[in-house]
Amino acid sequence: MVSLTKALRLSALLVSLLILAQPSYAEEPAKFEKIRDISPDKKFAVRISCNSEPADPNDIDPNLITAVQLVSLPSKNIVVNLGPDYENLIWSKDSNWFAYALPSGSRVTDTYVYHRSGDDFTRLETEVQVDVEGDVRNQYVHPIRWVKPGVLLLEQFDIFRGGEGKDATYRFTASFDEKTGKLRVISKKKIPSKD
């Protein structure tokens, strides 16, 4: 009985030592951070965290970026993780809506739209794009500006399979539909090529 008790104590001691010896994977504090894209009401902003100070803080090398997050101000509590490749974040005047573009591969850029309820933002689960005829190879959708809260102007550039001269750019307006909880396209206009 004595040897069993000693063995259990020794096992417990070894387990404790192994747990204490495990490396800590706590997130290291950023060595550099930049605050930008501040909301009109000054309550939210984008924080870009880097593992070292960039040579040019206005043109940060993507390899230095460790996190891109929407944070509340002044506390800097994380509200939404945006991803390091986000582009063109725009706010509505009432600060209750924001949209940004995010590349999802080399051939597609999608726009994501968020709506605020209290202190939280919820992403609308809908694709923000216009339907076009033809075999689209590449598609890039970018937000332009909020026409008014809940109504967003966007631009979509499509590259079609099969050669030159088939590329098309569309400007379209999407409106939040309170009944369905989705954005719906309310106007679409083809923009002449800049060639």
N, C-alpha and C. Protein backbone atom coordinates (compact mmCIF):
# COMPACT_ATOMS: atom_id res chain seq x y z
N MET A 1 0.83 -1.20 0.00
CA MET A 1 0.00 0.00 0.00
C MET A 1 0.86 1.24 0.00
N VAL A 2 1.98 1.16 0.76
CA VAL A 2 2.87 2.32 0.84
C VAL A 2 3.51 2.58 -0.51
N SER A 3 3.91 1.54 -1.22
CA SER A 3 4.55 1.74 -2.51
C SER A 3 3.57 2.27 -3.55
N LEU A 4 2.30 1.88 -3.47
CA LEU A 4 1.28 2.40 -4.38
C LEU A 4 1.07 3.89 -4.14
N THR A 5 1.02 4.32 -2.90
CA THR A 5 0.86 5.73 -2.56
C THR A 5 2.05 6.53 -3.07
N LYS A 6 3.26 5.99 -2.87
CA LYS A 6 4.46 6.67 -3.36
C LYS A 6 4.43 6.77 -4.89
N ALA A 7 3.98 5.73 -5.54
CA ALA A 7 3.93 5.72 -7.00
C ALA A 7 2.93 6.75 -7.51
N LEU A 8 1.77 6.86 -6.85
CA LEU A 8 0.77 7.85 -7.25
C LEU A 8 1.29 9.26 -7.05
N ARG A 9 1.98 9.48 -5.91
CA ARG A 9 2.54 10.81 -5.65
C ARG A 9 3.60 11.15 -6.69
N LEU A 10 4.44 10.19 -6.98
CA LEU A 10 5.50 10.41 -7.97
C LEU A 10 4.89 10.69 -9.35
N SER A 11 3.83 9.95 -9.71
CA SER A 11 3.15 10.18 -10.98
C SER A 11 2.55 11.58 -11.02
N ALA A 12 1.89 11.98 -9.94
CA ALA A 12 1.30 13.31 -9.88
C ALA A 12 2.38 14.38 -10.00
N LEU A 13 3.51 14.16 -9.35
CA LEU A 13 4.62 15.11 -9.44
C LEU A 13 5.15 15.20 -10.86
N LEU A 14 5.31 14.07 -11.53
CA LEU A 14 5.79 14.07 -12.91
C LEU A 14 4.81 14.77 -13.85
N VAL A 15 3.52 14.51 -13.69
CA VAL A 15 2.51 15.17 -14.52
C VAL A 15 2.56 16.68 -14.30
N SER A 16 2.69 17.10 -13.04
CA SER A 16 2.77 18.53 -12.74
C SER A 16 3.99 19.16 -13.40
N LEU A 17 5.11 18.48 -13.33
CA LEU A 17 6.33 19.01 -13.95
C LEU A 17 6.19 19.09 -15.47
N LEU A 18 5.56 18.08 -16.07
CA LEU A 18 5.35 18.12 -17.52
C LEU A 18 4.45 19.27 -17.93
N ILE A 19 3.40 19.51 -17.16
CA ILE A 19 2.49 20.62 -17.47
C ILE A 19 3.23 21.94 -17.35
N LEU A 20 4.03 22.10 -16.30
CA LEU A 20 4.77 23.35 -16.12
C LEU A 20 5.84 23.55 -17.18
N ALA A 21 6.36 22.46 -17.72
CA ALA A 21 7.43 22.55 -18.71
C ALA A 21 6.91 22.84 -20.11
N GLN A 22 5.60 22.74 -20.32
CA GLN A 22 5.04 23.00 -21.64
C GLN A 22 5.25 24.46 -22.03
N PRO A 23 5.59 24.73 -23.29
CA PRO A 23 5.77 26.11 -23.72
C PRO A 23 4.45 26.87 -23.68
N SER A 24 4.53 28.13 -23.43
CA SER A 24 3.34 28.97 -23.40
C SER A 24 3.08 29.49 -24.80
N TYR A 25 1.86 29.33 -25.28
CA TYR A 25 1.51 29.79 -26.62
C TYR A 25 0.66 31.06 -26.56
N ALA A 26 0.82 31.79 -25.49
CA ALA A 26 0.09 33.05 -25.38
C ALA A 26 0.54 33.99 -26.49
N GLU A 27 -0.38 34.78 -26.97
CA GLU A 27 -0.09 35.71 -28.06
C GLU A 27 0.88 36.78 -27.59
N GLU A 28 1.97 36.91 -28.34
CA GLU A 28 2.93 37.96 -28.01
C GLU A 28 2.34 39.32 -28.37
N PRO A 29 2.66 40.32 -27.57
CA PRO A 29 2.16 41.66 -27.93
C PRO A 29 2.82 42.13 -29.24
N ALA A 30 2.07 42.88 -30.01
CA ALA A 30 2.59 43.39 -31.27
C ALA A 30 3.72 44.37 -31.01
N LYS A 31 4.71 44.34 -31.88
CA LYS A 31 5.83 45.28 -31.74
C LYS A 31 5.49 46.62 -32.41
N PHE A 32 4.46 46.60 -33.25
CA PHE A 32 4.00 47.82 -33.92
C PHE A 32 2.52 47.67 -34.21
N GLU A 33 1.76 48.74 -34.03
CA GLU A 33 0.37 48.72 -34.44
C GLU A 33 -0.02 50.06 -35.02
N LYS A 34 -0.93 50.00 -35.98
CA LYS A 34 -1.42 51.21 -36.63
C LYS A 34 -2.94 51.21 -36.53
N ILE A 35 -3.49 52.36 -36.16
CA ILE A 35 -4.94 52.54 -36.10
C ILE A 35 -5.35 53.35 -37.32
N ARG A 36 -6.35 52.85 -38.05
CA ARG A 36 -6.83 53.56 -39.24
C ARG A 36 -8.30 53.23 -39.48
N ASP A 37 -8.89 53.80 -40.52
CA ASP A 37 -10.28 53.56 -40.87
C ASP A 37 -11.21 53.76 -39.67
N ILE A 38 -11.07 54.91 -39.03
CA ILE A 38 -11.86 55.23 -37.84
C ILE A 38 -13.30 55.53 -38.25
N SER A 39 -14.25 55.00 -37.49
CA SER A 39 -15.67 55.22 -37.78
C SER A 39 -16.03 56.69 -37.57
N PRO A 40 -17.07 57.19 -38.25
CA PRO A 40 -17.46 58.60 -38.09
C PRO A 40 -17.78 58.99 -36.64
N ASP A 41 -18.31 58.05 -35.85
CA ASP A 41 -18.61 58.37 -34.45
C ASP A 41 -17.40 58.19 -33.52
N LYS A 42 -16.25 57.80 -34.11
CA LYS A 42 -14.97 57.64 -33.38
C LYS A 42 -15.01 56.52 -32.34
N LYS A 43 -15.95 55.58 -32.47
CA LYS A 43 -16.05 54.49 -31.50
C LYS A 43 -15.38 53.20 -31.96
N PHE A 44 -15.02 53.12 -33.25
CA PHE A 44 -14.42 51.91 -33.81
C PHE A 44 -13.32 52.29 -34.80
N ALA A 45 -12.37 51.38 -34.99
CA ALA A 45 -11.30 51.60 -35.96
C ALA A 45 -10.66 50.26 -36.29
N VAL A 46 -9.85 50.26 -37.33
CA VAL A 46 -9.09 49.08 -37.71
C VAL A 46 -7.71 49.18 -37.07
N ARG A 47 -7.30 48.08 -36.41
CA ARG A 47 -5.96 48.00 -35.83
C ARG A 47 -5.16 46.98 -36.63
N ILE A 48 -4.03 47.42 -37.16
CA ILE A 48 -3.11 46.53 -37.88
C ILE A 48 -1.94 46.28 -36.95
N SER A 49 -1.72 45.00 -36.59
CA SER A 49 -0.63 44.62 -35.70
C SER A 49 0.48 43.97 -36.52
N CYS A 50 1.73 44.31 -36.18
CA CYS A 50 2.88 43.79 -36.91
C CYS A 50 3.90 43.22 -35.94
N ASN A 51 4.71 42.28 -36.45
CA ASN A 51 5.74 41.68 -35.61
C ASN A 51 7.01 42.52 -35.55
N SER A 52 7.10 43.57 -36.35
CA SER A 52 8.20 44.54 -36.27
C SER A 52 7.74 45.85 -36.91
N GLU A 53 8.50 46.90 -36.69
CA GLU A 53 8.12 48.20 -37.24
C GLU A 53 8.39 48.23 -38.74
N PRO A 54 7.39 48.63 -39.53
CA PRO A 54 7.58 48.67 -40.98
C PRO A 54 8.46 49.85 -41.40
N ALA A 55 9.10 49.71 -42.55
CA ALA A 55 9.91 50.81 -43.09
C ALA A 55 9.04 52.02 -43.39
N ASP A 56 7.83 51.76 -43.92
CA ASP A 56 6.88 52.83 -44.22
C ASP A 56 5.54 52.49 -43.58
N PRO A 57 5.16 53.18 -42.48
CA PRO A 57 3.90 52.87 -41.79
C PRO A 57 2.65 53.07 -42.65
N ASN A 58 2.78 53.81 -43.75
CA ASN A 58 1.63 54.02 -44.65
C ASN A 58 1.54 52.97 -45.75
N ASP A 59 2.58 52.14 -45.88
CA ASP A 59 2.60 51.07 -46.87
C ASP A 59 3.27 49.86 -46.22
N ILE A 60 2.52 49.17 -45.37
CA ILE A 60 3.07 48.09 -44.56
C ILE A 60 3.25 46.82 -45.40
N ASP A 61 4.43 46.23 -45.30
CA ASP A 61 4.72 44.97 -45.97
C ASP A 61 3.79 43.90 -45.38
N PRO A 62 3.00 43.22 -46.21
CA PRO A 62 2.06 42.22 -45.70
C PRO A 62 2.73 41.11 -44.88
N ASN A 63 4.01 40.84 -45.13
CA ASN A 63 4.71 39.80 -44.38
C ASN A 63 4.91 40.17 -42.91
N LEU A 64 4.82 41.47 -42.58
CA LEU A 64 4.99 41.91 -41.19
C LEU A 64 3.69 41.85 -40.39
N ILE A 65 2.56 41.77 -41.09
CA ILE A 65 1.26 41.84 -40.43
C ILE A 65 0.93 40.53 -39.72
N THR A 66 0.58 40.64 -38.44
CA THR A 66 0.18 39.47 -37.66
C THR A 66 -1.32 39.42 -37.42
N ALA A 67 -2.01 40.57 -37.47
CA ALA A 67 -3.46 40.60 -37.27
C ALA A 67 -4.04 41.91 -37.80
N VAL A 68 -5.26 41.84 -38.32
CA VAL A 68 -6.02 43.02 -38.71
C VAL A 68 -7.40 42.86 -38.09
N GLN A 69 -7.75 43.79 -37.21
CA GLN A 69 -8.98 43.65 -36.45
C GLN A 69 -9.73 44.97 -36.35
N LEU A 70 -11.05 44.88 -36.35
CA LEU A 70 -11.88 46.02 -35.99
C LEU A 70 -11.91 46.04 -34.47
N VAL A 71 -11.58 47.19 -33.89
CA VAL A 71 -11.54 47.30 -32.42
C VAL A 71 -12.43 48.45 -31.97
N SER A 72 -12.87 48.37 -30.73
CA SER A 72 -13.62 49.48 -30.15
C SER A 72 -12.62 50.48 -29.59
N LEU A 73 -13.02 51.74 -29.59
CA LEU A 73 -12.15 52.79 -29.07
C LEU A 73 -12.79 53.40 -27.83
N PRO A 74 -12.01 53.78 -26.84
CA PRO A 74 -10.55 53.77 -26.78
C PRO A 74 -9.96 52.47 -26.25
N SER A 75 -10.79 51.49 -25.85
CA SER A 75 -10.29 50.28 -25.18
C SER A 75 -9.47 49.37 -26.08
N LYS A 76 -9.71 49.40 -27.38
CA LYS A 76 -9.06 48.54 -28.36
C LYS A 76 -9.43 47.07 -28.20
N ASN A 77 -10.62 46.82 -27.64
CA ASN A 77 -11.13 45.45 -27.56
C ASN A 77 -11.51 44.99 -28.96
N ILE A 78 -11.21 43.74 -29.27
CA ILE A 78 -11.46 43.20 -30.60
C ILE A 78 -12.96 43.01 -30.81
N VAL A 79 -13.47 43.53 -31.94
CA VAL A 79 -14.87 43.39 -32.30
C VAL A 79 -15.02 42.38 -33.44
N VAL A 80 -14.18 42.50 -34.49
CA VAL A 80 -14.23 41.61 -35.65
C VAL A 80 -12.80 41.41 -36.16
N ASN A 81 -12.45 40.15 -36.48
CA ASN A 81 -11.19 39.86 -37.16
C ASN A 81 -11.43 40.03 -38.65
N LEU A 82 -10.64 40.89 -39.30
CA LEU A 82 -10.86 41.19 -40.71
C LEU A 82 -9.99 40.37 -41.65
N GLY A 83 -8.82 40.00 -41.25
CA GLY A 83 -7.90 39.30 -42.14
C GLY A 83 -6.89 40.26 -42.72
N PRO A 84 -5.66 39.82 -42.91
CA PRO A 84 -4.57 40.72 -43.31
C PRO A 84 -4.69 41.32 -44.70
N ASP A 85 -5.49 40.73 -45.57
CA ASP A 85 -5.57 41.21 -46.95
C ASP A 85 -6.76 42.12 -47.22
N TYR A 86 -7.42 42.61 -46.16
CA TYR A 86 -8.62 43.41 -46.38
C TYR A 86 -8.27 44.67 -47.17
N GLU A 87 -9.24 45.17 -47.92
CA GLU A 87 -9.05 46.38 -48.73
C GLU A 87 -10.25 47.29 -48.57
N ASN A 88 -10.01 48.57 -48.61
CA ASN A 88 -11.06 49.55 -48.86
C ASN A 88 -12.23 49.49 -47.87
N LEU A 89 -11.97 49.54 -46.57
CA LEU A 89 -13.06 49.55 -45.60
C LEU A 89 -13.73 50.91 -45.61
N ILE A 90 -15.06 50.90 -45.73
CA ILE A 90 -15.82 52.16 -45.73
C ILE A 90 -16.94 52.08 -44.71
N TRP A 91 -17.21 53.22 -44.08
CA TRP A 91 -18.24 53.34 -43.05
C TRP A 91 -19.45 54.09 -43.57
N SER A 92 -20.62 53.75 -43.06
CA SER A 92 -21.81 54.59 -43.29
C SER A 92 -21.71 55.79 -42.36
N LYS A 93 -22.41 56.86 -42.69
CA LYS A 93 -22.33 58.09 -41.88
C LYS A 93 -22.77 57.87 -40.44
N ASP A 94 -23.70 56.94 -40.22
CA ASP A 94 -24.18 56.71 -38.85
C ASP A 94 -23.33 55.70 -38.08
N SER A 95 -22.25 55.20 -38.69
CA SER A 95 -21.32 54.24 -38.08
C SER A 95 -21.96 52.89 -37.73
N ASN A 96 -23.14 52.62 -38.27
CA ASN A 96 -23.82 51.35 -38.00
C ASN A 96 -23.56 50.30 -39.08
N TRP A 97 -22.89 50.70 -40.16
CA TRP A 97 -22.60 49.80 -41.26
C TRP A 97 -21.15 49.99 -41.69
N PHE A 98 -20.49 48.89 -42.05
CA PHE A 98 -19.23 49.02 -42.75
C PHE A 98 -19.11 47.88 -43.75
N ALA A 99 -18.32 48.14 -44.78
CA ALA A 99 -18.09 47.14 -45.83
C ALA A 99 -16.62 47.19 -46.20
N TYR A 100 -16.10 46.06 -46.62
CA TYR A 100 -14.72 46.01 -47.10
C TYR A 100 -14.57 44.89 -48.10
N ALA A 101 -13.54 44.99 -48.91
CA ALA A 101 -13.24 43.96 -49.90
C ALA A 101 -12.15 43.05 -49.34
N LEU A 102 -12.23 41.77 -49.72
CA LEU A 102 -11.25 40.79 -49.27
C LEU A 102 -10.98 39.81 -50.40
N PRO A 103 -9.72 39.77 -50.88
CA PRO A 103 -9.41 38.79 -51.92
C PRO A 103 -9.56 37.37 -51.38
N SER A 104 -10.17 36.50 -52.19
CA SER A 104 -10.24 35.09 -51.82
C SER A 104 -9.60 34.31 -52.96
N GLY A 105 -8.29 34.42 -53.04
CA GLY A 105 -7.54 33.85 -54.14
C GLY A 105 -7.14 34.96 -55.10
N SER A 106 -6.44 34.58 -56.16
CA SER A 106 -5.94 35.59 -57.10
C SER A 106 -7.00 36.02 -58.11
N ARG A 107 -8.11 35.31 -58.20
CA ARG A 107 -9.10 35.61 -59.24
C ARG A 107 -10.42 36.17 -58.72
N VAL A 108 -10.55 36.30 -57.42
CA VAL A 108 -11.83 36.75 -56.86
C VAL A 108 -11.58 37.69 -55.69
N THR A 109 -12.32 38.79 -55.66
CA THR A 109 -12.36 39.68 -54.50
C THR A 109 -13.83 39.85 -54.15
N ASP A 110 -14.15 39.54 -52.91
CA ASP A 110 -15.53 39.65 -52.44
C ASP A 110 -15.66 40.86 -51.52
N THR A 111 -16.89 41.36 -51.41
CA THR A 111 -17.19 42.44 -50.46
C THR A 111 -18.02 41.86 -49.34
N TYR A 112 -17.64 42.20 -48.12
CA TYR A 112 -18.36 41.77 -46.92
C TYR A 112 -19.00 42.99 -46.28
N VAL A 113 -20.23 42.81 -45.81
CA VAL A 113 -20.99 43.90 -45.21
C VAL A 113 -21.37 43.52 -43.78
N TYR A 114 -21.16 44.46 -42.86
CA TYR A 114 -21.49 44.25 -41.44
C TYR A 114 -22.46 45.33 -40.97
N HIS A 115 -23.35 44.93 -40.06
CA HIS A 115 -24.33 45.84 -39.48
C HIS A 115 -24.20 45.79 -37.96
N ARG A 116 -24.29 46.96 -37.33
CA ARG A 116 -24.13 47.05 -35.87
C ARG A 116 -25.47 46.94 -35.17
N SER A 117 -25.44 46.16 -34.09
CA SER A 117 -26.56 46.07 -33.17
C SER A 117 -25.95 46.18 -31.78
N GLY A 118 -26.17 47.31 -31.11
CA GLY A 118 -25.51 47.56 -29.82
C GLY A 118 -24.04 47.80 -30.05
N ASP A 119 -23.19 47.04 -29.36
CA ASP A 119 -21.74 47.16 -29.53
C ASP A 119 -21.17 46.08 -30.44
N ASP A 120 -22.03 45.22 -30.99
CA ASP A 120 -21.57 44.12 -31.83
C ASP A 120 -21.92 44.38 -33.29
N PHE A 121 -21.08 43.84 -34.17
CA PHE A 121 -21.34 43.89 -35.61
C PHE A 121 -21.59 42.47 -36.09
N THR A 122 -22.59 42.32 -36.96
CA THR A 122 -22.94 41.03 -37.53
C THR A 122 -22.75 41.10 -39.03
N ARG A 123 -22.06 40.09 -39.57
CA ARG A 123 -21.87 40.03 -41.02
C ARG A 123 -23.14 39.54 -41.68
N LEU A 124 -23.54 40.22 -42.75
CA LEU A 124 -24.68 39.77 -43.53
C LEU A 124 -24.24 38.56 -44.35
N GLU A 125 -24.99 37.50 -44.25
CA GLU A 125 -24.64 36.26 -44.94
C GLU A 125 -25.23 36.27 -46.35
N THR A 126 -24.62 37.03 -47.20
CA THR A 126 -25.10 37.13 -48.57
C THR A 126 -23.95 37.52 -49.49
N GLU A 127 -23.98 37.05 -50.73
CA GLU A 127 -22.98 37.47 -51.70
C GLU A 127 -23.40 38.82 -52.26
N VAL A 128 -22.47 39.73 -52.30
CA VAL A 128 -22.74 41.07 -52.83
C VAL A 128 -22.12 41.13 -54.22
N GLN A 129 -22.96 40.86 -55.23
CA GLN A 129 -22.50 40.88 -56.62
C GLN A 129 -23.71 40.94 -57.53
N VAL A 130 -23.46 41.28 -58.80
CA VAL A 130 -24.53 41.24 -59.79
C VAL A 130 -24.30 40.03 -60.69
N ASP A 131 -25.38 39.46 -61.15
CA ASP A 131 -25.30 38.34 -62.08
C ASP A 131 -25.02 38.88 -63.47
N VAL A 132 -24.11 38.21 -64.18
CA VAL A 132 -23.77 38.61 -65.54
C VAL A 132 -23.82 37.37 -66.42
N GLU A 133 -24.02 37.60 -67.72
CA GLU A 133 -24.03 36.49 -68.65
C GLU A 133 -22.63 36.24 -69.16
N GLY A 134 -22.29 34.99 -69.34
CA GLY A 134 -20.98 34.64 -69.84
C GLY A 134 -20.21 33.81 -68.84
N ASP A 135 -19.05 33.35 -69.27
CA ASP A 135 -18.20 32.49 -68.45
C ASP A 135 -17.14 33.37 -67.76
N VAL A 136 -17.42 33.77 -66.54
CA VAL A 136 -16.53 34.67 -65.80
C VAL A 136 -15.32 33.89 -65.28
N ARG A 137 -14.13 34.41 -65.58
CA ARG A 137 -12.88 33.81 -65.10
C ARG A 137 -12.44 34.48 -63.81
N ASN A 138 -12.45 35.81 -63.78
CA ASN A 138 -12.05 36.59 -62.60
C ASN A 138 -13.17 37.56 -62.27
N GLN A 139 -13.38 37.80 -60.96
CA GLN A 139 -14.41 38.75 -60.55
C GLN A 139 -13.93 39.50 -59.31
N TYR A 140 -13.98 40.83 -59.41
CA TYR A 140 -13.50 41.69 -58.32
C TYR A 140 -14.61 42.66 -57.94
N VAL A 141 -15.12 42.55 -56.71
CA VAL A 141 -16.20 43.40 -56.23
C VAL A 141 -15.67 44.26 -55.09
N HIS A 142 -15.80 45.59 -55.24
CA HIS A 142 -15.30 46.54 -54.25
C HIS A 142 -16.40 47.51 -53.85
N PRO A 143 -16.50 47.82 -52.55
CA PRO A 143 -17.45 48.86 -52.14
C PRO A 143 -16.92 50.23 -52.53
N ILE A 144 -17.80 51.14 -52.93
CA ILE A 144 -17.40 52.50 -53.31
C ILE A 144 -17.76 53.48 -52.19
N ARG A 145 -19.06 53.51 -51.83
CA ARG A 145 -19.49 54.40 -50.75
C ARG A 145 -20.89 54.00 -50.32
N TRP A 146 -21.24 54.45 -49.11
CA TRP A 146 -22.61 54.27 -48.62
C TRP A 146 -23.44 55.42 -49.14
N VAL A 147 -24.50 55.14 -49.88
CA VAL A 147 -25.41 56.16 -50.37
C VAL A 147 -26.16 56.74 -49.18
N LYS A 148 -26.59 55.85 -48.30
CA LYS A 148 -27.20 56.19 -47.02
C LYS A 148 -27.07 54.92 -46.17
N PRO A 149 -27.31 54.99 -44.87
CA PRO A 149 -27.21 53.77 -44.06
C PRO A 149 -28.06 52.63 -44.63
N GLY A 150 -27.43 51.49 -44.85
CA GLY A 150 -28.13 50.33 -45.39
C GLY A 150 -28.19 50.26 -46.90
N VAL A 151 -27.66 51.28 -47.61
CA VAL A 151 -27.66 51.30 -49.08
C VAL A 151 -26.23 51.56 -49.55
N LEU A 152 -25.66 50.59 -50.25
CA LEU A 152 -24.24 50.60 -50.61
C LEU A 152 -24.05 50.62 -52.12
N LEU A 153 -23.16 51.51 -52.59
CA LEU A 153 -22.75 51.55 -54.00
C LEU A 153 -21.48 50.73 -54.15
N LEU A 154 -21.46 49.84 -55.15
CA LEU A 154 -20.32 48.95 -55.37
C LEU A 154 -19.91 48.95 -56.82
N GLU A 155 -18.70 48.44 -57.08
CA GLU A 155 -18.24 48.27 -58.46
C GLU A 155 -17.76 46.84 -58.61
N GLN A 156 -18.13 46.22 -59.73
CA GLN A 156 -17.75 44.85 -60.03
C GLN A 156 -17.05 44.82 -61.37
N PHE A 157 -15.86 44.23 -61.40
CA PHE A 157 -15.09 44.08 -62.63
C PHE A 157 -14.99 42.59 -62.93
N ASP A 158 -15.48 42.19 -64.11
CA ASP A 158 -15.47 40.79 -64.52
C ASP A 158 -14.55 40.61 -65.72
N ILE A 159 -13.73 39.56 -65.67
CA ILE A 159 -12.91 39.15 -66.80
C ILE A 159 -13.47 37.81 -67.27
N PHE A 160 -13.84 37.75 -68.54
CA PHE A 160 -14.47 36.56 -69.09
C PHE A 160 -13.45 35.67 -69.78
N ARG A 161 -13.73 34.39 -69.80
CA ARG A 161 -12.89 33.44 -70.55
C ARG A 161 -13.10 33.69 -72.03
N GLY A 162 -12.05 33.50 -72.80
CA GLY A 162 -12.22 33.56 -74.24
C GLY A 162 -11.65 34.77 -74.93
N GLY A 163 -10.84 35.54 -74.26
CA GLY A 163 -10.16 36.60 -75.00
C GLY A 163 -10.48 38.01 -74.58
N GLU A 164 -9.83 38.90 -75.30
CA GLU A 164 -9.92 40.33 -75.00
C GLU A 164 -11.26 40.91 -75.44
N GLY A 165 -11.56 42.06 -74.91
CA GLY A 165 -12.75 42.78 -75.32
C GLY A 165 -14.03 42.32 -74.64
N LYS A 166 -13.93 41.29 -73.81
CA LYS A 166 -15.12 40.79 -73.15
C LYS A 166 -15.20 41.20 -71.69
N ASP A 167 -14.20 41.90 -71.20
CA ASP A 167 -14.21 42.33 -69.81
C ASP A 167 -15.32 43.36 -69.62
N ALA A 168 -15.90 43.41 -68.41
CA ALA A 168 -17.00 44.33 -68.15
C ALA A 168 -16.92 44.87 -66.73
N THR A 169 -17.31 46.14 -66.58
CA THR A 169 -17.38 46.77 -65.26
C THR A 169 -18.81 47.22 -65.03
N TYR A 170 -19.31 46.92 -63.83
CA TYR A 170 -20.67 47.30 -63.46
C TYR A 170 -20.63 48.12 -62.18
N ARG A 171 -21.43 49.15 -62.12
CA ARG A 171 -21.70 49.86 -60.88
C ARG A 171 -23.09 49.45 -60.46
N PHE A 172 -23.23 49.07 -59.19
CA PHE A 172 -24.56 48.67 -58.74
C PHE A 172 -24.78 49.10 -57.30
N THR A 173 -26.06 49.20 -56.96
CA THR A 173 -26.46 49.62 -55.62
C THR A 173 -27.17 48.45 -54.96
N ALA A 174 -26.77 48.16 -53.73
CA ALA A 174 -27.40 47.10 -52.95
C ALA A 174 -28.04 47.72 -51.72
N SER A 175 -29.22 47.23 -51.39
CA SER A 175 -29.97 47.75 -50.25
C SER A 175 -30.26 46.62 -49.27
N PHE A 176 -30.16 46.93 -47.98
CA PHE A 176 -30.48 45.96 -46.95
C PHE A 176 -31.98 45.79 -46.86
N ASP A 177 -32.45 44.56 -46.97
CA ASP A 177 -33.87 44.25 -46.89
C ASP A 177 -34.17 43.74 -45.48
N GLU A 178 -34.88 44.54 -44.69
CA GLU A 178 -35.16 44.16 -43.31
C GLU A 178 -36.01 42.90 -43.20
N LYS A 179 -36.84 42.61 -44.19
CA LYS A 179 -37.69 41.42 -44.15
C LYS A 179 -36.87 40.14 -44.28
N THR A 180 -35.91 40.13 -45.21
CA THR A 180 -35.12 38.92 -45.45
C THR A 180 -33.79 38.93 -44.72
N GLY A 181 -33.35 40.10 -44.27
CA GLY A 181 -32.05 40.20 -43.61
C GLY A 181 -30.89 40.13 -44.57
N LYS A 182 -31.15 40.35 -45.87
CA LYS A 182 -30.10 40.26 -46.88
C LYS A 182 -30.01 41.55 -47.68
N LEU A 183 -28.91 41.68 -48.39
CA LEU A 183 -28.77 42.78 -49.32
C LEU A 183 -29.35 42.35 -50.66
N ARG A 184 -30.04 43.27 -51.32
CA ARG A 184 -30.56 42.96 -52.65
C ARG A 184 -30.15 44.08 -53.59
N VAL A 185 -29.85 43.73 -54.82
CA VAL A 185 -29.44 44.70 -55.82
C VAL A 185 -30.67 45.47 -56.27
N ILE A 186 -30.59 46.81 -56.17
CA ILE A 186 -31.74 47.64 -56.57
C ILE A 186 -31.46 48.43 -57.85
N SER A 187 -30.18 48.52 -58.27
CA SER A 187 -29.86 49.13 -59.56
C SER A 187 -28.54 48.59 -60.07
N LYS A 188 -28.41 48.55 -61.40
CA LYS A 188 -27.19 48.02 -62.03
C LYS A 188 -26.94 48.78 -63.32
N LYS A 189 -25.69 49.20 -63.53
CA LYS A 189 -25.34 49.95 -64.73
C LYS A 189 -23.97 49.49 -65.23
N LYS A 190 -23.90 49.18 -66.51
CA LYS A 190 -22.61 48.79 -67.10
C LYS A 190 -21.81 50.05 -67.38
N ILE A 191 -20.57 50.08 -66.99
CA ILE A 191 -19.68 51.21 -67.17
C ILE A 191 -18.83 50.97 -68.41
N PRO A 192 -18.73 51.95 -69.31
CA PRO A 192 -17.89 51.77 -70.50
C PRO A 192 -16.43 51.48 -70.12
N SER A 193 -15.78 50.67 -70.95
CA SER A 193 -14.38 50.31 -70.72
C SER A 193 -13.51 51.55 -70.83
N LYS A 194 -12.41 51.57 -70.06
CA LYS A 194 -11.49 52.71 -70.05
C LYS A 194 -10.41 52.62 -71.11
N ASP A 195 -10.50 51.60 -72.00
CA ASP A 195 -9.46 51.40 -73.03
C ASP A 195 -9.37 52.59 -73.94
